């Protein structure tokens, strides 16, 4: 997963506004008690950060894999919680 795919996955799952809050404020114990933003800055792979976010926020398994990659014919509208 590229960083741009991570960003798209976050925006798709949480919406652009709340996604920014999640990435910047939610402390992920599985990533050394860092936020997603801190983990990415420290060099943790975006896919690992994405999966940690999914686990911490109870994103269903079926929405975790392939996230952030465009699907032909599908809109980029955020999912409703």
Protein backbone atom coordinates (compact mmCIF):
# COMPACT_ATOMS: atom_id res chain seq x y z
CA UNK A 1 0.00 0.00 0.00
CA UNK A 2 1.32 3.41 -0.97
CA UNK A 3 0.90 6.45 1.24
CA UNK A 4 -1.63 7.88 -1.23
CA UNK A 5 -3.63 4.63 -1.00
CA UNK A 6 -3.51 4.86 2.80
CA UNK A 7 -4.83 8.42 2.65
CA UNK A 8 -7.60 7.40 0.25
CA UNK A 9 -8.55 4.44 2.46
CA UNK A 10 -8.77 6.68 5.54
CA UNK A 11 -10.89 9.25 3.69
CA UNK A 12 -13.15 6.54 2.24
CA UNK A 13 -13.69 4.81 5.58
CA UNK A 14 -13.90 7.76 7.98
CA UNK A 15 -14.50 10.80 5.77
CA UNK A 16 -11.88 13.47 5.11
CA UNK A 17 -12.49 15.49 8.29
CA UNK A 18 -12.83 12.71 10.84
CA UNK A 19 -10.14 10.71 9.06
CA UNK A 20 -7.66 13.50 9.78
CA UNK A 21 -8.63 13.43 13.46
CA UNK A 22 -8.20 9.64 13.63
CA UNK A 23 -4.78 9.77 11.97
CA UNK A 24 -3.53 12.61 14.15
CA UNK A 25 -5.09 11.86 17.53
CA UNK A 26 -5.82 8.15 18.00
CA UNK A 27 -2.93 6.48 19.83
CA UNK A 28 -2.28 2.99 18.49
CA UNK A 29 -0.69 0.76 21.12
CA UNK A 30 0.13 -1.85 18.48
CA UNK A 31 2.40 0.72 16.81
CA UNK A 32 4.38 1.63 19.91
CA UNK A 33 1.76 3.97 21.40
CA UNK A 34 2.04 6.37 18.48
CA UNK A 35 -0.57 7.99 16.32
CA UNK A 36 -0.85 6.90 12.71
CA UNK A 37 0.81 10.15 11.66
CA UNK A 38 3.72 9.56 14.04
CA UNK A 39 4.09 5.95 12.93
CA UNK A 40 4.18 6.93 9.26
CA UNK A 41 6.76 9.64 10.00
CA UNK A 42 8.86 7.03 11.83
CA UNK A 43 8.87 4.82 8.73
CA UNK A 44 6.15 2.28 9.54
CA UNK A 45 4.67 0.95 6.30
CA UNK A 46 1.29 2.49 5.40
CA UNK A 47 -0.36 -0.96 5.15
CA UNK A 48 0.70 -1.80 8.71
CA UNK A 49 -0.64 1.55 9.93
CA UNK A 50 -3.91 1.03 8.03
CA UNK A 51 -4.44 -2.39 9.57
CA UNK A 52 -3.68 -1.03 13.05
CA UNK A 53 -6.24 1.75 12.51
CA UNK A 54 -8.79 -0.80 11.32
CA UNK A 55 -8.22 -2.97 14.37
CA UNK A 56 -8.44 -0.04 16.81
CA UNK A 57 -11.64 1.32 15.26
CA UNK A 58 -13.40 -2.00 14.55
CA UNK A 59 -13.49 -1.62 10.78
CA UNK A 60 -15.07 -4.83 9.46
CA UNK A 61 -12.65 -7.33 7.94
CA UNK A 62 -14.28 -7.09 4.50
CA UNK A 63 -13.38 -3.37 4.27
CA UNK A 64 -9.73 -3.76 5.27
CA UNK A 65 -8.21 -5.49 2.26
CA UNK A 66 -7.61 -3.62 -0.95
CA UNK A 67 -8.64 -0.35 0.70
CA UNK A 68 -7.39 2.79 -0.95
CA UNK A 69 -7.26 1.29 -4.41
CA UNK A 70 -9.75 2.60 -6.95
CA UNK A 71 -12.40 0.18 -8.14
CA UNK A 72 -13.44 0.71 -11.76
CA UNK A 73 -16.89 2.26 -11.95
CA UNK A 74 -17.17 2.93 -8.21
CA UNK A 75 -17.40 6.43 -6.74
CA UNK A 76 -14.98 7.72 -4.09
CA UNK A 77 -17.77 8.79 -1.70
CA UNK A 78 -16.98 8.16 2.00
CA UNK A 79 -18.70 5.27 3.76
CA UNK A 80 -21.33 6.15 6.28
CA UNK A 81 -20.53 4.99 9.84
